[in-house]
Protein backbone atom coordinates (compact mmCIF):
# COMPACT_ATOMS: atom_id res chain seq x y z
CA MET A 1 0.00 0.00 0.00
CA SER A 2 1.35 3.33 -1.02
CA ALA A 3 1.92 6.35 1.33
CA ALA A 4 -0.99 8.27 -0.22
CA GLN A 5 -3.31 5.40 0.42
CA GLY A 6 -2.05 5.08 4.03
CA ARG A 7 -2.89 8.72 4.73
CA ARG A 8 -6.48 8.29 3.45
CA ARG A 9 -8.96 7.96 6.32
CA ASP A 10 -11.44 5.18 6.60
CA PRO A 11 -15.04 6.59 6.05
CA ALA A 12 -16.32 4.78 9.14
CA VAL A 13 -13.60 6.27 11.29
CA GLU A 14 -14.24 9.76 9.84
CA VAL A 15 -17.93 9.52 10.67
CA ALA A 16 -17.12 8.41 14.21
CA VAL A 17 -14.83 11.41 14.65
CA ARG A 18 -17.38 13.88 13.36
CA ARG A 19 -20.34 12.46 15.30
CA PRO A 20 -20.03 12.85 19.07
CA SER A 21 -20.87 9.99 21.33
CA ALA A 22 -24.25 9.70 23.05
CA SER A 23 -22.80 10.73 26.42
CA ALA A 24 -21.20 13.77 24.84
CA ARG A 25 -24.49 14.73 23.20
CA LYS A 26 -26.24 14.61 26.57
CA GLN A 27 -23.66 17.03 28.12
CA PRO A 28 -23.90 20.37 26.26
CA THR A 29 -20.86 22.59 26.38
CA GLN A 30 -20.35 26.31 26.26
CA LEU A 31 -19.67 26.12 22.53
CA GLY A 32 -22.48 27.20 20.29
CA GLY A 33 -24.06 29.41 22.99
CA LYS A 34 -25.05 26.42 25.19
CA GLN A 35 -24.37 26.48 28.92
CA PRO A 36 -23.42 23.60 31.17
CA ILE A 37 -26.16 22.14 33.33
CA ARG A 38 -26.04 22.22 37.10
CA PRO A 39 -25.55 18.94 38.84
CA GLY A 40 -28.99 17.34 38.93
CA GLY A 41 -29.91 18.73 35.52
CA LYS A 42 -32.46 21.29 36.72
CA GLN A 43 -31.35 24.75 35.59
CA PRO A 44 -28.52 25.79 33.30
CA ILE A 45 -25.60 27.77 34.67
CA ARG A 46 -25.41 31.17 32.95
CA LEU A 47 -21.69 31.71 32.48
CA ASP A 48 -22.14 34.87 30.39
CA ARG A 49 -24.04 36.80 33.09
CA GLN A 50 -22.07 38.89 35.56
CA PRO A 51 -23.20 38.95 39.20
CA THR A 52 -25.41 41.99 39.77
CA LYS A 53 -25.81 44.08 42.90
CA PRO A 54 -29.22 44.22 44.52
CA ALA A 55 -31.26 47.14 43.21
CA ARG A 56 -31.27 50.13 45.52
CA ARG A 57 -34.53 51.59 46.59
CA PRO A 58 -35.05 55.16 45.39
CA THR A 59 -34.14 57.58 48.16
CA ARG A 60 -37.00 59.70 49.36
CA PRO A 61 -36.45 63.42 49.82
CA ALA A 62 -36.06 64.51 53.43
CA ARG A 63 -39.38 65.45 54.96
CA GLN A 64 -39.74 69.12 55.68
CA PRO A 65 -39.96 70.03 59.38
CA LYS A 66 -43.30 71.07 60.80
CA PHE A 67 -43.74 74.63 61.96
CA ALA A 68 -44.47 74.45 65.70
CA GLY A 69 -45.02 70.74 65.17
CA LEU A 70 -48.41 71.54 63.59
CA ALA A 71 -48.04 72.18 59.85
CA ARG A 72 -45.48 71.65 57.09
CA SER A 73 -47.08 74.23 54.83
CA SER A 74 -46.02 77.80 55.56
CA GLY A 75 -49.44 79.05 54.45
CA LEU A 76 -51.23 76.75 56.88
CA PHE A 77 -48.87 77.81 59.64
CA LEU A 78 -49.63 81.49 59.03
CA LEU A 79 -53.33 80.65 59.18
CA ILE A 80 -52.77 78.94 62.56
CA VAL A 81 -50.94 82.04 63.82
CA ALA A 82 -53.82 84.29 62.75
CA VAL A 83 -56.37 81.97 64.37
CA ALA A 84 -54.39 81.99 67.64
CA ALA A 85 -54.47 85.78 67.75
CA LEU A 86 -58.16 85.98 66.84
CA VAL A 87 -59.18 83.34 69.38
CA ALA A 88 -57.29 85.17 72.12
CA ALA A 89 -59.02 88.43 71.17
CA VAL A 90 -62.51 86.91 71.03
CA VAL A 91 -62.17 84.88 74.24
CA GLY A 92 -60.64 87.83 76.09
CA THR A 93 -63.45 90.11 74.93
CA ASP A 94 -66.10 87.65 76.09
CA LEU A 95 -64.53 86.98 79.48
CA THR A 96 -64.00 90.65 80.31
CA ALA A 97 -67.32 91.96 78.98
CA THR A 98 -69.31 94.19 81.30
CA GLY A 99 -73.06 94.00 81.70
CA PRO A 100 -75.48 96.34 79.90
CA VAL A 101 -76.10 99.76 81.39
CA VAL A 102 -79.71 100.74 81.95
CA GLY A 103 -80.79 103.51 79.59
CA ILE A 104 -77.86 103.09 77.19
CA ALA A 105 -78.28 101.04 74.01
CA SER A 106 -75.81 98.19 73.66
CA PRO A 107 -74.13 97.53 70.29
CA PRO A 108 -74.96 94.28 68.51
CA TRP A 109 -72.75 91.28 69.05
CA ILE A 110 -71.18 91.60 65.62
CA VAL A 111 -69.91 95.05 66.59
CA ARG A 112 -68.83 93.98 70.07
CA PHE A 113 -66.70 91.15 68.70
CA GLY A 114 -65.96 92.67 65.30
CA ILE A 115 -63.99 95.60 66.72
CA PRO A 116 -61.33 93.47 68.50
CA VAL A 117 -61.20 91.06 65.54
CA LEU A 118 -60.54 93.89 63.09
CA ARG A 119 -57.99 95.50 65.36
CA THR A 120 -56.19 92.17 65.65
CA LEU A 121 -56.13 91.79 61.86
CA LEU A 122 -54.83 95.36 61.59
CA ASP A 123 -51.99 94.57 63.97
CA LEU A 124 -51.15 91.31 62.20
CA GLY A 125 -50.99 93.06 58.83
CA ALA A 126 -48.79 95.90 60.05
CA VAL A 127 -46.51 93.57 62.03
CA SER A 128 -46.14 91.30 58.98
CA ALA A 129 -45.30 94.24 56.72
CA ALA A 130 -42.60 95.42 59.14
CA GLY A 131 -41.18 91.92 59.61
CA LEU A 132 -41.01 91.21 55.90
CA GLY A 133 -39.08 94.42 55.43
CA LEU A 134 -36.70 93.46 58.22
CA LEU A 135 -36.06 90.12 56.53
CA SER A 136 -34.15 91.92 53.77
CA LYS A 137 -31.87 93.51 56.36
CA LEU A 138 -31.31 90.24 58.20
CA VAL A 139 -30.22 88.19 55.18
CA GLY A 140 -28.08 91.02 53.80
CA PHE A 141 -27.51 92.31 50.29
CA ASP A 142 -23.97 91.10 49.58
CA ARG A 143 -25.04 87.80 47.92
CA PRO A 144 -28.16 88.49 45.88
CA GLU A 145 -27.83 85.22 43.95
CA ARG A 146 -28.64 83.37 47.19
CA THR A 147 -31.05 85.76 48.86
CA GLU A 148 -33.12 87.19 46.00
CA LYS A 149 -35.36 84.13 45.60
CA VAL A 150 -36.38 84.21 49.26
CA VAL A 151 -36.68 87.98 49.56
CA ALA A 152 -38.77 88.17 46.37
CA ARG A 153 -41.39 85.91 47.94
CA ALA A 154 -41.37 88.09 51.05
CA ARG A 155 -42.02 91.21 48.97
CA ARG A 156 -45.07 89.63 47.35
CA LEU A 157 -46.45 88.64 50.73
CA ALA A 158 -45.88 92.18 52.01
CA VAL A 159 -48.37 93.42 49.40
CA TRP A 160 -51.12 91.26 50.88
CA ALA A 161 -50.14 92.13 54.45
CA SER A 162 -50.41 95.85 53.71
CA ALA A 163 -53.78 95.34 52.03
CA LEU A 164 -55.09 93.48 55.08
CA TRP A 165 -53.82 96.25 57.34
CA GLY A 166 -55.52 99.02 55.35
CA VAL A 167 -58.88 97.26 54.93
CA ALA A 168 -59.02 96.37 58.62
CA ALA A 169 -58.31 99.98 59.62
CA LEU A 170 -61.06 101.40 57.41
CA VAL A 171 -63.68 98.85 58.48
CA SER A 172 -62.73 99.46 62.12
CA ILE A 173 -63.74 103.11 61.73
CA VAL A 174 -67.19 102.03 60.55
CA MET A 175 -67.56 99.55 63.43
CA LEU A 176 -66.52 102.12 66.02
CA SER A 177 -68.99 104.64 64.65
CA VAL A 178 -71.77 102.07 65.13
CA GLU A 179 -70.57 101.37 68.68
CA LEU A 180 -70.83 105.08 69.42
CA ASP A 181 -74.43 105.22 68.19
CA PRO A 182 -75.94 101.71 68.02
CA THR A 183 -79.44 103.01 67.31
CA HIS A 184 -78.62 104.13 63.75
CA ALA A 185 -77.19 102.28 60.79
CA PRO A 186 -73.75 103.47 59.65
CA ASN A 187 -73.67 106.08 56.89
CA PRO A 188 -71.02 108.42 55.49
CA ALA A 189 -72.14 111.28 57.72
CA SER A 190 -71.86 109.22 60.93
CA VAL A 191 -68.50 107.83 59.90
CA TRP A 192 -67.12 111.27 59.09
CA SER A 193 -68.50 112.63 62.36
CA TYR A 194 -66.66 109.89 64.23
CA ILE A 195 -63.40 110.69 62.43
CA THR A 196 -63.60 114.43 63.07
CA ASN A 197 -64.74 114.26 66.70
CA ILE A 198 -63.04 111.15 68.13
CA ALA A 199 -59.28 110.76 68.43
CA ALA A 200 -59.46 107.03 67.68
CA GLY A 201 -61.03 107.82 64.31
CA LYS A 202 -58.19 110.15 63.38
CA GLY A 203 -55.62 107.60 64.48
CA LEU A 204 -57.20 104.81 62.43
CA LEU A 205 -57.47 107.03 59.37
CA LEU A 206 -53.79 107.94 59.63
CA SER A 207 -52.95 104.27 60.04
CA ALA A 208 -55.00 103.42 56.93
CA GLY A 209 -53.05 106.08 55.01
CA CYS A 210 -49.78 104.48 56.08
CA ALA A 211 -51.13 101.10 54.99
CA LEU A 212 -51.92 102.50 51.55
CA LEU A 213 -48.40 103.90 51.26
CA SER A 214 -46.96 100.58 52.44
CA PHE A 215 -49.06 98.76 49.83
CA TRP A 216 -47.73 100.99 47.06
CA LEU A 217 -44.12 100.61 48.19
CA ALA A 218 -44.53 96.83 48.36
CA ARG A 219 -45.92 96.75 44.82
CA VAL A 220 -43.03 98.84 43.53
CA SER A 221 -40.49 96.65 45.37
CA VAL A 222 -41.95 93.54 43.71
CA ARG A 223 -40.99 95.04 40.32
CA HIS A 224 -37.77 96.85 41.21
CA GLY A 225 -36.42 94.88 44.16
CA GLU A 226 -34.20 96.59 46.68
CA LYS A 227 -34.21 99.83 44.73
CA VAL A 228 -37.05 100.58 47.16
CA PRO A 229 -35.10 100.80 50.45
CA ALA A 230 -36.07 98.27 53.07
CA GLU A 231 -35.60 100.96 55.73
CA LEU A 232 -38.39 103.01 54.16
CA ARG A 233 -40.81 100.08 54.12
CA ILE A 234 -39.98 99.22 57.73
CA GLY A 235 -40.36 102.81 58.87
CA ILE A 236 -43.79 103.21 57.24
CA ALA A 237 -45.05 100.00 58.88
CA LEU A 238 -43.82 101.04 62.32
CA PHE A 239 -45.10 104.59 62.00
CA GLY A 240 -48.54 103.33 60.98
CA LEU A 241 -49.04 101.74 64.41
CA LEU A 242 -47.87 104.69 66.50
CA PRO A 243 -51.13 106.76 66.45
CA LEU A 244 -53.24 103.92 67.84
CA PRO A 245 -51.86 103.68 71.43
CA LEU A 246 -52.39 107.43 71.88
CA THR A 247 -56.14 106.87 71.81
CA GLY A 248 -56.18 104.12 74.43
CA HIS A 249 -54.97 103.92 78.02
CA ALA A 250 -51.93 106.02 77.15
CA SER A 251 -54.24 109.03 76.78
CA ASN A 252 -54.64 109.35 80.55
CA TRP A 253 -53.85 112.81 81.84
CA TYR A 254 -51.62 111.79 84.74
CA TYR A 255 -48.05 111.03 83.63
CA HIS A 256 -49.28 111.48 80.06
CA ASP A 257 -45.92 112.22 78.46
CA LEU A 258 -44.11 109.41 80.24
CA SER A 259 -46.80 106.80 79.58
CA MET A 260 -47.07 107.90 75.95
CA VAL A 261 -43.34 107.48 75.28
CA SER A 262 -43.33 104.15 77.11
CA MET A 263 -46.30 102.86 75.10
CA GLU A 264 -44.77 103.89 71.79
CA LEU A 265 -41.52 102.12 72.65
CA HIS A 266 -43.53 99.06 73.62
CA VAL A 267 -45.38 98.99 70.29
CA VAL A 268 -42.26 99.52 68.15
CA ALA A 269 -40.21 96.87 69.98
CA ALA A 270 -43.02 94.31 69.95
CA THR A 271 -43.71 94.89 66.25
CA ALA A 272 -40.07 94.54 65.23
CA TRP A 273 -39.56 91.47 67.41
CA ALA A 274 -42.68 89.53 66.39
CA GLY A 275 -42.54 90.52 62.72
CA ALA A 276 -38.89 89.63 62.24
CA LEU A 277 -39.28 86.34 64.12
CA ALA A 278 -42.23 85.27 61.98
CA ALA A 279 -40.37 86.18 58.78
CA VAL A 280 -37.25 84.26 59.82
CA VAL A 281 -39.24 81.16 60.76
CA VAL A 282 -41.44 81.06 57.66
CA PHE A 283 -38.82 81.94 55.04
CA LEU A 284 -35.50 80.74 56.48
CA ALA A 285 -36.27 77.65 58.58
CA ARG A 286 -35.72 75.53 55.45
CA GLU A 287 -32.78 77.57 54.15
CA PRO A 288 -29.85 76.52 56.40
CA ALA A 289 -27.22 78.72 54.75
CA LEU A 290 -29.31 81.89 54.94
CA LEU A 291 -30.51 81.00 58.43
CA ALA A 292 -26.92 80.73 59.67
CA ASP A 293 -26.32 84.32 58.53
CA ALA A 294 -29.63 85.85 59.64
CA LEU A 295 -30.22 84.18 63.00
CA PRO A 296 -27.33 85.85 64.89
CA ARG A 297 -28.45 89.26 63.63
CA PHE A 298 -32.03 88.58 64.64
CA SER A 299 -30.89 87.32 68.04
CA THR A 300 -29.21 90.65 68.74
CA LEU A 301 -32.33 92.55 67.71
CA ALA A 302 -34.60 90.25 69.72
CA THR A 303 -32.50 90.61 72.87
CA TRP A 304 -33.00 94.36 72.94
CA CYS A 305 -36.67 94.04 72.04
CA VAL A 306 -37.33 91.58 74.87
CA PHE A 307 -35.96 93.99 77.46
CA VAL A 308 -37.84 96.97 76.03
CA VAL A 309 -41.14 95.08 75.70
CA GLY A 310 -40.87 93.59 79.18
CA PHE A 311 -39.91 96.79 80.96
CA THR A 312 -42.38 99.09 79.19
CA GLY A 313 -45.20 96.55 79.43
CA ILE A 314 -44.83 96.12 83.18
CA PHE A 315 -44.46 99.86 83.68
CA ASN A 316 -47.54 100.74 81.64
CA GLY A 317 -49.68 98.04 83.22
CA LEU A 318 -48.79 98.85 86.82
CA LEU A 319 -49.15 102.57 86.16
CA GLU A 320 -52.67 102.03 84.84
CA LEU A 321 -53.62 99.96 87.86
CA ALA A 322 -52.01 102.43 90.27
CA LEU A 323 -53.95 105.38 88.79
CA SER A 324 -57.31 103.64 89.16
CA PRO A 325 -59.39 105.39 91.87
CA ILE A 326 -61.50 102.33 92.69
CA THR A 327 -58.85 99.61 93.03
CA HIS A 328 -55.54 99.20 94.82
CA LEU A 329 -52.34 97.34 94.12
CA PRO A 330 -51.38 94.54 94.39
CA GLY A 331 -54.86 93.04 94.73
CA SER A 332 -56.09 94.68 91.53
CA ILE A 333 -53.72 92.51 89.50
CA PHE A 334 -55.94 89.49 90.16
CA THR A 335 -59.33 91.04 90.87
CA THR A 336 -59.80 93.39 87.91
CA ARG A 337 -60.37 92.70 84.24
CA TYR A 338 -57.37 94.78 83.28
CA GLY A 339 -55.16 93.05 85.83
CA VAL A 340 -56.07 89.53 84.68
CA LEU A 341 -55.39 90.42 81.05
CA LEU A 342 -52.08 91.98 82.06
CA THR A 343 -51.15 88.78 83.88
CA ALA A 344 -52.06 86.65 80.84
CA LYS A 345 -49.97 88.82 78.57
CA ALA A 346 -47.01 88.71 80.96
CA THR A 347 -47.30 84.90 81.03
CA CYS A 348 -47.02 84.80 77.25
CA LEU A 349 -43.93 87.01 77.46
CA VAL A 350 -42.30 84.68 79.99
CA ILE A 351 -43.00 81.62 77.81
CA VAL A 352 -41.53 83.29 74.75
CA THR A 353 -38.49 84.52 76.66
CA VAL A 354 -37.69 81.07 78.06
CA THR A 355 -38.04 79.56 74.59
CA ALA A 356 -35.81 82.25 73.11
CA VAL A 357 -33.09 81.49 75.69
CA HIS A 358 -33.22 77.81 74.73
CA VAL A 359 -32.92 78.69 71.04
CA ARG A 360 -29.99 81.01 71.68
CA ARG A 361 -28.04 78.52 73.81
CA LYS A 362 -28.84 75.17 72.21
CA ILE A 363 -30.05 75.70 68.66
CA MET A 364 -27.99 78.65 67.41
CA PRO A 365 -24.63 76.79 67.70
CA ARG A 366 -26.06 73.89 65.68
CA VAL A 367 -27.39 76.28 63.05
CA ALA A 368 -23.95 77.90 62.76
CA ALA A 369 -22.39 74.44 62.35
CA GLY A 370 -24.81 73.55 59.56
CA LYS A 371 -26.48 70.76 61.53
CA ARG A 372 -30.14 69.84 61.51
CA THR A 373 -32.10 71.62 64.23
CA GLY A 374 -35.60 71.97 65.60
CA ILE A 375 -35.81 75.69 64.97
CA ALA A 376 -39.10 75.34 63.08
CA LEU A 377 -40.60 73.69 66.15
CA TRP A 378 -39.29 75.99 68.88
CA CYS A 379 -39.46 79.30 67.05
CA GLY A 380 -42.78 78.28 65.53
CA TRP A 381 -44.26 78.07 69.02
CA GLU A 382 -42.71 81.43 69.81
CA VAL A 383 -44.62 82.95 66.91
CA VAL A 384 -47.90 81.32 67.96
CA THR A 385 -47.47 82.53 71.54
CA LEU A 386 -46.64 86.06 70.42
CA ALA A 387 -49.74 86.05 68.21
CA ALA A 388 -51.87 85.14 71.24
CA ALA A 389 -50.18 87.95 73.19
CA PHE A 390 -51.13 90.42 70.44
CA GLY A 391 -54.74 89.26 70.69
CA ILE A 392 -54.69 89.78 74.45
CA ALA A 393 -53.11 93.21 73.97
CA VAL A 394 -56.02 94.26 71.74
CA VAL A 395 -58.49 93.40 74.50
CA LEU A 396 -56.24 95.07 77.07
CA THR A 397 -56.45 98.43 75.27
CA ARG A 398 -60.24 98.38 75.68
CA ALA A 399 -60.59 96.69 79.06
CA PRO A 400 -61.74 98.84 82.01
CA VAL A 401 -59.88 98.78 85.32
CA THR A 402 -62.91 97.48 87.19
CA PRO A 403 -63.42 94.43 89.40
CA PHE A 404 -65.22 91.37 88.07
């Protein structure tokens, strides 16, 4: 047999080489896209699949803190603040009401309760306008790219606050004219007579004029920003409240000059304190960077305001009780309508002061360090308590120094 014939393969052998054995056919290999079978022959082993990490759950955004532990919405929180002030005014008016006098017509209930409600709304509007102006000073003007978004929202809210202030002042004049003469329906002649003959009417009209000016300045500031000076807006809001105390207990003849100056200082300090605090809580509680800059400045302002409000409030209250010819200190603090209201207002001041000390000592360092704090909770309750104190103060301006 030649060499060429020796190299030729036998057809049977060639077929055996090409065709795998039965055992080989039962065991698929990785060739041809097939995967080896697990021992037991149940599921194939996927060699081409890389081990995957377990899917992560989508992270939820951090929940916003609740203002005073009551509401996450700033609008709802402001509504709660307004309700707290109005409830304090209505309850205080009802508890300190005197009985009807024989021969003198009593005003209807809507007038009796409407006057303190409107005066409370007037105060809330003016305090808000002043506080929103102070917010611009507290956050500063050196970094407008960070502050403009927040301050722009404050300017828009100041428009509504000024409108509330002005409407409440004008309607209060109508209500007071009806209280003066409950037997006749209000008309332009009776309203004008009240304005020209009663000091309270002149004071409310002047306050309404300041509200109108504040409204116009707020509208202009919405369009032109800080080209309208914040100091001007703050000054108009504070000045608009100054005529009102002169028509209340501060109009007493004895120690008139001293009590008048003390009352005006009390109003200005309380307005700046409460307004700035509310603005900081609502607009900066969720802005840690801006809060770290504004809170120390507000703390300095609030410290002075607390001392002025406390000293002038105690002085004015005790002076009013001391000048009463039918009561005597210290018993009149607890036996007269005026004394009980004064005690309630002083209690609110103590609560707010204690809370402010806690914020200054415990929360301010954490704010400066950029840590998460409960400032919305603590300062939110400060705002609610101050709102109740404003409602009590409205009743206090009208309460007689008479025993229950």
